[in-house]
All heavy atoms as atom14 arrays in JSON, in Angstrom:
{
  "sequence": "NAKNTVYLQMNSLKPEDTAVYYCNVRVQGINYW",
  "atom14_mask": [
    [1, 1, 1, 1, 1, 1, 1, 1, 0, 0, 0, 0, 0, 0],
    [1, 1, 1, 1, 1, 0, 0, 0, 0, 0, 0, 0, 0, 0],
    [1, 1, 1, 1, 1, 1, 1, 1, 1, 0, 0, 0, 0, 0],
    [1, 1, 1, 1, 1, 1, 1, 1, 0, 0, 0, 0, 0, 0],
    [1, 1, 1, 1, 1, 1, 1, 0, 0, 0, 0, 0, 0, 0],
    [1, 1, 1, 1, 1, 1, 1, 0, 0, 0, 0, 0, 0, 0],
    [1, 1, 1, 1, 1, 1, 1, 1, 1, 1, 1, 1, 0, 0],
    [1, 1, 1, 1, 1, 1, 1, 1, 0, 0, 0, 0, 0, 0],
    [1, 1, 1, 1, 1, 1, 1, 1, 1, 0, 0, 0, 0, 0],
    [1, 1, 1, 1, 1, 1, 1, 1, 0, 0, 0, 0, 0, 0],
    [1, 1, 1, 1, 1, 1, 1, 1, 0, 0, 0, 0, 0, 0],
    [1, 1, 1, 1, 1, 1, 0, 0, 0, 0, 0, 0, 0, 0],
    [1, 1, 1, 1, 1, 1, 1, 1, 0, 0, 0, 0, 0, 0],
    [1, 1, 1, 1, 1, 1, 1, 1, 1, 0, 0, 0, 0, 0],
    [1, 1, 1, 1, 1, 1, 1, 0, 0, 0, 0, 0, 0, 0],
    [1, 1, 1, 1, 1, 1, 1, 1, 1, 0, 0, 0, 0, 0],
    [1, 1, 1, 1, 1, 1, 1, 1, 0, 0, 0, 0, 0, 0],
    [1, 1, 1, 1, 1, 1, 1, 0, 0, 0, 0, 0, 0, 0],
    [1, 1, 1, 1, 1, 0, 0, 0, 0, 0, 0, 0, 0, 0],
    [1, 1, 1, 1, 1, 1, 1, 0, 0, 0, 0, 0, 0, 0],
    [1, 1, 1, 1, 1, 1, 1, 1, 1, 1, 1, 1, 0, 0],
    [1, 1, 1, 1, 1, 1, 1, 1, 1, 1, 1, 1, 0, 0],
    [1, 1, 1, 1, 1, 1, 0, 0, 0, 0, 0, 0, 0, 0],
    [1, 1, 1, 1, 1, 1, 1, 1, 0, 0, 0, 0, 0, 0],
    [1, 1, 1, 1, 1, 1, 1, 0, 0, 0, 0, 0, 0, 0],
    [1, 1, 1, 1, 1, 1, 1, 1, 1, 1, 1, 0, 0, 0],
    [1, 1, 1, 1, 1, 1, 1, 0, 0, 0, 0, 0, 0, 0],
    [1, 1, 1, 1, 1, 1, 1, 1, 1, 0, 0, 0, 0, 0],
    [1, 1, 1, 1, 0, 0, 0, 0, 0, 0, 0, 0, 0, 0],
    [1, 1, 1, 1, 1, 1, 1, 1, 0, 0, 0, 0, 0, 0],
    [1, 1, 1, 1, 1, 1, 1, 1, 0, 0, 0, 0, 0, 0],
    [1, 1, 1, 1, 1, 1, 1, 1, 1, 1, 1, 1, 0, 0],
    [1, 1, 1, 1, 1, 1, 1, 1, 1, 1, 1, 1, 1, 1]
  ],
  "atom14_positions": [
    [[-46.93, 24.0, -25.59], [-45.66, 24.51, -26.1], [-45.76, 25.95, -26.6], [-44.8, 26.71, -26.5], [-45.14, 23.61, -27.22], [-44.67, 22.27, -26.71], [-44.21, 22.15, -25.57], [-44.75, 21.25, -27.55], [0.0, 0.0, 0.0], [0.0, 0.0, 0.0], [0.0, 0.0, 0.0], [0.0, 0.0, 0.0], [0.0, 0.0, 0.0], [0.0, 0.0, 0.0]],
    [[-46.91, 26.33, -27.12], [-47.09, 27.7, -27.6], [-46.98, 28.69, -26.45], [-46.5, 29.82, -26.63], [-48.44, 27.85, -28.3], [0.0, 0.0, 0.0], [0.0, 0.0, 0.0], [0.0, 0.0, 0.0], [0.0, 0.0, 0.0], [0.0, 0.0, 0.0], [0.0, 0.0, 0.0], [0.0, 0.0, 0.0], [0.0, 0.0, 0.0], [0.0, 0.0, 0.0]],
    [[-47.42, 28.29, -25.27], [-47.35, 29.15, -24.09], [-46.12, 28.88, -23.24], [-45.91, 29.54, -22.22], [-48.6, 28.99, -23.24], [-49.88, 29.41, -23.93], [-51.08, 29.23, -23.01], [-52.36, 29.68, -23.68], [-53.54, 29.51, -22.79], [0.0, 0.0, 0.0], [0.0, 0.0, 0.0], [0.0, 0.0, 0.0], [0.0, 0.0, 0.0], [0.0, 0.0, 0.0]],
    [[-45.33, 27.88, -23.64], [-44.14, 27.5, -22.88], [-44.5, 27.2, -21.43], [-43.82, 27.63, -20.49], [-43.08, 28.6, -22.95], [-41.68, 28.04, -23.15], [-41.49, 26.95, -23.67], [-40.68, 28.8, -22.72], [0.0, 0.0, 0.0], [0.0, 0.0, 0.0], [0.0, 0.0, 0.0], [0.0, 0.0, 0.0], [0.0, 0.0, 0.0], [0.0, 0.0, 0.0]],
    [[-45.57, 26.45, -21.26], [-46.12, 26.19, -19.94], [-46.4, 24.7, -19.77], [-46.88, 24.04, -20.7], [-47.41, 26.99, -19.72], [-47.12, 28.39, -19.84], [-47.99, 26.72, -18.35], [0.0, 0.0, 0.0], [0.0, 0.0, 0.0], [0.0, 0.0, 0.0], [0.0, 0.0, 0.0], [0.0, 0.0, 0.0], [0.0, 0.0, 0.0], [0.0, 0.0, 0.0]],
    [[-46.12, 24.2, -18.58], [-46.45, 22.83, -18.23], [-47.44, 22.86, -17.08], [-47.38, 23.75, -16.22], [-45.18, 22.02, -17.88], [-44.49, 22.58, -16.65], [-45.53, 20.55, -17.7], [0.0, 0.0, 0.0], [0.0, 0.0, 0.0], [0.0, 0.0, 0.0], [0.0, 0.0, 0.0], [0.0, 0.0, 0.0], [0.0, 0.0, 0.0], [0.0, 0.0, 0.0]],
    [[-48.37, 21.91, -17.06], [-49.43, 21.87, -16.08], [-49.42, 20.55, -15.32], [-48.92, 19.54, -15.79], [-50.8, 22.03, -16.74], [-50.93, 23.26, -17.6], [-50.67, 23.21, -18.96], [-51.31, 24.48, -17.05], [-50.79, 24.33, -19.76], [-51.43, 25.61, -17.84], [-51.17, 25.53, -19.19], [-51.3, 26.64, -19.98], [0.0, 0.0, 0.0], [0.0, 0.0, 0.0]],
    [[-49.99, 20.59, -14.14], [-50.24, 19.38, -13.38], [-51.66, 19.45, -12.85], [-51.95, 20.22, -11.94], [-49.25, 19.22, -12.23], [-49.36, 17.91, -11.45], [-48.95, 16.73, -12.32], [-48.5, 17.95, -10.18], [0.0, 0.0, 0.0], [0.0, 0.0, 0.0], [0.0, 0.0, 0.0], [0.0, 0.0, 0.0], [0.0, 0.0, 0.0], [0.0, 0.0, 0.0]],
    [[-52.54, 18.66, -13.45], [-53.91, 18.56, -12.99], [-53.97, 17.53, -11.88], [-53.61, 16.37, -12.09], [-54.84, 18.16, -14.13], [-56.3, 17.99, -13.73], [-56.94, 19.29, -13.29], [-56.79, 20.3, -13.97], [-57.65, 19.26, -12.17], [0.0, 0.0, 0.0], [0.0, 0.0, 0.0], [0.0, 0.0, 0.0], [0.0, 0.0, 0.0], [0.0, 0.0, 0.0]],
    [[-54.41, 17.93, -10.71], [-54.44, 17.06, -9.55], [-55.88, 16.88, -9.1], [-56.54, 17.84, -8.69], [-53.6, 17.65, -8.41], [-52.17, 17.96, -8.81], [-51.14, 18.49, -7.4], [-51.97, 20.02, -6.97], [0.0, 0.0, 0.0], [0.0, 0.0, 0.0], [0.0, 0.0, 0.0], [0.0, 0.0, 0.0], [0.0, 0.0, 0.0], [0.0, 0.0, 0.0]],
    [[-56.37, 15.67, -9.2], [-57.73, 15.33, -8.8], [-57.69, 14.37, -7.61], [-56.68, 13.74, -7.33], [-58.49, 14.68, -9.96], [-58.64, 15.59, -11.15], [-58.78, 16.8, -11.01], [-58.65, 15.01, -12.34], [0.0, 0.0, 0.0], [0.0, 0.0, 0.0], [0.0, 0.0, 0.0], [0.0, 0.0, 0.0], [0.0, 0.0, 0.0], [0.0, 0.0, 0.0]],
    [[-58.83, 14.26, -6.94], [-58.96, 13.35, -5.8], [-57.82, 13.52, -4.82], [-57.2, 12.55, -4.37], [-59.04, 11.9, -6.3], [-60.12, 11.71, -7.18], [0.0, 0.0, 0.0], [0.0, 0.0, 0.0], [0.0, 0.0, 0.0], [0.0, 0.0, 0.0], [0.0, 0.0, 0.0], [0.0, 0.0, 0.0], [0.0, 0.0, 0.0], [0.0, 0.0, 0.0]],
    [[-57.56, 14.75, -4.47], [-56.43, 15.05, -3.6], [-56.6, 14.43, -2.23], [-57.7, 14.36, -1.69], [-56.24, 16.55, -3.49], [-55.59, 17.2, -4.72], [-55.82, 18.7, -4.72], [-54.09, 16.89, -4.74], [0.0, 0.0, 0.0], [0.0, 0.0, 0.0], [0.0, 0.0, 0.0], [0.0, 0.0, 0.0], [0.0, 0.0, 0.0], [0.0, 0.0, 0.0]],
    [[-55.48, 14.01, -1.67], [-55.43, 13.39, -0.36], [-54.55, 14.22, 0.56], [-53.65, 14.92, 0.09], [-54.87, 11.97, -0.47], [-55.62, 11.06, -1.42], [-54.92, 9.71, -1.54], [-55.64, 8.79, -2.5], [-54.96, 7.48, -2.63], [0.0, 0.0, 0.0], [0.0, 0.0, 0.0], [0.0, 0.0, 0.0], [0.0, 0.0, 0.0], [0.0, 0.0, 0.0]],
    [[-54.76, 14.12, 1.86], [-53.89, 14.86, 2.79], [-52.4, 14.56, 2.58], [-51.57, 15.46, 2.76], [-54.36, 14.4, 4.16], [-55.8, 14.08, 3.96], [-55.87, 13.47, 2.57], [0.0, 0.0, 0.0], [0.0, 0.0, 0.0], [0.0, 0.0, 0.0], [0.0, 0.0, 0.0], [0.0, 0.0, 0.0], [0.0, 0.0, 0.0], [0.0, 0.0, 0.0]],
    [[-52.07, 13.35, 2.19], [-50.68, 13.01, 1.96], [-50.08, 13.66, 0.72], [-48.88, 13.56, 0.49], [-50.5, 11.48, 1.88], [-51.45, 10.8, 0.94], [-52.66, 10.21, 1.65], [-53.23, 10.91, 2.52], [-53.01, 9.06, 1.36], [0.0, 0.0, 0.0], [0.0, 0.0, 0.0], [0.0, 0.0, 0.0], [0.0, 0.0, 0.0], [0.0, 0.0, 0.0]],
    [[-50.91, 14.34, -0.08], [-50.4, 15.11, -1.2], [-49.89, 16.48, -0.76], [-49.32, 17.21, -1.58], [-51.48, 15.3, -2.26], [-51.91, 14.0, -2.91], [-51.02, 13.17, -3.21], [-53.12, 13.83, -3.14], [0.0, 0.0, 0.0], [0.0, 0.0, 0.0], [0.0, 0.0, 0.0], [0.0, 0.0, 0.0], [0.0, 0.0, 0.0], [0.0, 0.0, 0.0]],
    [[-50.11, 16.83, 0.48], [-49.66, 18.12, 0.99], [-48.15, 18.25, 0.86], [-47.4, 17.41, 1.35], [-50.08, 18.3, 2.45], [-51.51, 18.35, 2.54], [-49.51, 19.58, 3.03], [0.0, 0.0, 0.0], [0.0, 0.0, 0.0], [0.0, 0.0, 0.0], [0.0, 0.0, 0.0], [0.0, 0.0, 0.0], [0.0, 0.0, 0.0], [0.0, 0.0, 0.0]],
    [[-47.72, 19.3, 0.19], [-46.29, 19.51, -0.05], [-46.11, 20.81, -0.81], [-47.08, 21.41, -1.29], [-45.7, 18.36, -0.86], [0.0, 0.0, 0.0], [0.0, 0.0, 0.0], [0.0, 0.0, 0.0], [0.0, 0.0, 0.0], [0.0, 0.0, 0.0], [0.0, 0.0, 0.0], [0.0, 0.0, 0.0], [0.0, 0.0, 0.0], [0.0, 0.0, 0.0]],
    [[-44.87, 21.24, -0.92], [-44.51, 22.3, -1.85], [-44.18, 21.63, -3.17], [-43.35, 20.72, -3.22], [-43.32, 23.13, -1.35], [-42.93, 24.18, -2.4], [-43.65, 23.79, -0.03], [0.0, 0.0, 0.0], [0.0, 0.0, 0.0], [0.0, 0.0, 0.0], [0.0, 0.0, 0.0], [0.0, 0.0, 0.0], [0.0, 0.0, 0.0], [0.0, 0.0, 0.0]],
    [[-44.83, 22.07, -4.22], [-44.64, 21.48, -5.54], [-43.72, 22.37, -6.37], [-43.91, 23.58, -6.44], [-45.99, 21.3, -6.24], [-46.77, 20.13, -5.71], [-47.34, 20.18, -4.45], [-46.92, 18.97, -6.47], [-48.03, 19.09, -3.94], [-47.62, 17.89, -5.97], [-48.17, 17.95, -4.72], [-48.86, 16.87, -4.22], [0.0, 0.0, 0.0], [0.0, 0.0, 0.0]],
    [[-42.74, 21.73, -7.0], [-41.73, 22.44, -7.77], [-41.75, 22.0, -9.22], [-41.8, 20.81, -9.51], [-40.33, 22.17, -7.21], [-40.11, 22.68, -5.81], [-40.36, 21.87, -4.71], [-39.65, 23.97, -5.59], [-40.15, 22.32, -3.42], [-39.43, 24.44, -4.31], [-39.68, 23.61, -3.23], [-39.47, 24.06, -1.95], [0.0, 0.0, 0.0], [0.0, 0.0, 0.0]],
    [[-41.65, 22.96, -10.1], [-41.47, 22.69, -11.52], [-39.99, 22.5, -11.81], [-39.13, 23.12, -11.17], [-42.03, 23.85, -12.34], [-41.92, 23.66, -14.13], [0.0, 0.0, 0.0], [0.0, 0.0, 0.0], [0.0, 0.0, 0.0], [0.0, 0.0, 0.0], [0.0, 0.0, 0.0], [0.0, 0.0, 0.0], [0.0, 0.0, 0.0], [0.0, 0.0, 0.0]],
    [[-39.69, 21.65, -12.77], [-38.31, 21.34, -13.1], [-38.12, 21.22, -14.6], [-38.99, 20.71, -15.31], [-37.89, 20.03, -12.43], [-36.66, 19.41, -13.05], [-36.75, 18.51, -13.89], [-35.49, 19.88, -12.62], [0.0, 0.0, 0.0], [0.0, 0.0, 0.0], [0.0, 0.0, 0.0], [0.0, 0.0, 0.0], [0.0, 0.0, 0.0], [0.0, 0.0, 0.0]],
    [[-36.98, 21.7, -15.08], [-36.59, 21.48, -16.47], [-35.1, 21.16, -16.5], [-34.32, 21.74, -15.74], [-36.91, 22.69, -17.37], [-36.16, 23.94, -16.91], [-36.6, 22.38, -18.83], [0.0, 0.0, 0.0], [0.0, 0.0, 0.0], [0.0, 0.0, 0.0], [0.0, 0.0, 0.0], [0.0, 0.0, 0.0], [0.0, 0.0, 0.0], [0.0, 0.0, 0.0]],
    [[-34.74, 20.22, -17.34], [-33.35, 19.85, -17.48], [-32.83, 20.35, -18.81], [-33.34, 19.97, -19.86], [-33.18, 18.33, -17.38], [-31.73, 17.88, -17.38], [-31.63, 16.37, -17.34], [-30.26, 15.91, -17.31], [-29.88, 14.65, -17.39], [-30.81, 13.7, -17.5], [-28.6, 14.33, -17.36], [0.0, 0.0, 0.0], [0.0, 0.0, 0.0], [0.0, 0.0, 0.0]],
    [[-31.82, 21.22, -18.76], [-31.24, 21.82, -19.94], [-29.75, 21.55, -19.94], [-29.03, 21.98, -19.03], [-31.49, 23.33, -20.01], [-30.88, 23.91, -21.28], [-32.98, 23.63, -19.96], [0.0, 0.0, 0.0], [0.0, 0.0, 0.0], [0.0, 0.0, 0.0], [0.0, 0.0, 0.0], [0.0, 0.0, 0.0], [0.0, 0.0, 0.0], [0.0, 0.0, 0.0]],
    [[-29.29, 20.83, -20.94], [-27.87, 20.51, -21.09], [-27.29, 19.93, -19.81], [-26.21, 20.33, -19.35], [-27.09, 21.75, -21.53], [-27.49, 22.24, -22.91], [-26.7, 23.46, -23.36], [-26.57, 24.44, -22.63], [-26.18, 23.39, -24.57], [0.0, 0.0, 0.0], [0.0, 0.0, 0.0], [0.0, 0.0, 0.0], [0.0, 0.0, 0.0], [0.0, 0.0, 0.0]],
    [[-28.01, 19.0, -19.23], [-27.54, 18.29, -18.07], [-27.71, 19.01, -16.75], [-27.31, 18.46, -15.71], [0.0, 0.0, 0.0], [0.0, 0.0, 0.0], [0.0, 0.0, 0.0], [0.0, 0.0, 0.0], [0.0, 0.0, 0.0], [0.0, 0.0, 0.0], [0.0, 0.0, 0.0], [0.0, 0.0, 0.0], [0.0, 0.0, 0.0], [0.0, 0.0, 0.0]],
    [[-28.28, 20.19, -16.74], [-28.47, 20.97, -15.53], [-29.95, 21.08, -15.21], [-30.76, 21.39, -16.08], [-27.86, 22.37, -15.67], [-26.36, 22.27, -15.95], [-28.12, 23.19, -14.41], [-25.7, 23.6, -16.23], [0.0, 0.0, 0.0], [0.0, 0.0, 0.0], [0.0, 0.0, 0.0], [0.0, 0.0, 0.0], [0.0, 0.0, 0.0], [0.0, 0.0, 0.0]],
    [[-30.3, 20.82, -13.97], [-31.67, 20.93, -13.51], [-31.96, 22.33, -12.99], [-31.21, 22.86, -12.17], [-31.96, 19.91, -12.42], [-32.13, 18.51, -12.96], [-33.06, 18.26, -13.72], [-31.25, 17.61, -12.57], [0.0, 0.0, 0.0], [0.0, 0.0, 0.0], [0.0, 0.0, 0.0], [0.0, 0.0, 0.0], [0.0, 0.0, 0.0], [0.0, 0.0, 0.0]],
    [[-33.05, 22.91, -13.46], [-33.51, 24.21, -13.0], [-34.84, 24.05, -12.3], [-35.68, 23.24, -12.69], [-33.64, 25.17, -14.18], [-32.33, 25.48, -14.85], [-31.87, 24.69, -15.89], [-31.55, 26.57, -14.46], [-30.66, 24.95, -16.51], [-30.35, 26.84, -15.07], [-29.91, 26.03, -16.1], [-28.7, 26.3, -16.71], [0.0, 0.0, 0.0], [0.0, 0.0, 0.0]],
    [[-35.05, 24.86, -11.27], [-36.23, 24.75, -10.42], [-36.94, 26.08, -10.28], [-36.31, 27.14, -10.26], [-35.85, 24.26, -9.03], [-35.12, 22.96, -9.03], [-33.77, 22.77, -9.07], [-35.7, 21.65, -8.99], [-33.47, 21.43, -9.06], [-34.64, 20.72, -9.01], [-37.01, 21.18, -8.93], [-34.86, 19.35, -8.98], [-37.23, 19.82, -8.9], [-36.16, 18.92, -8.92]]
  ]
}
């Protein structure tokens, strides 16, 4: 929270994890990407 940052640690990755990954936040009912 001090850095206003969210992380996703991904281990044991598989080929099926291949994708574009998007961060999301919902503010007052609206999703931002």
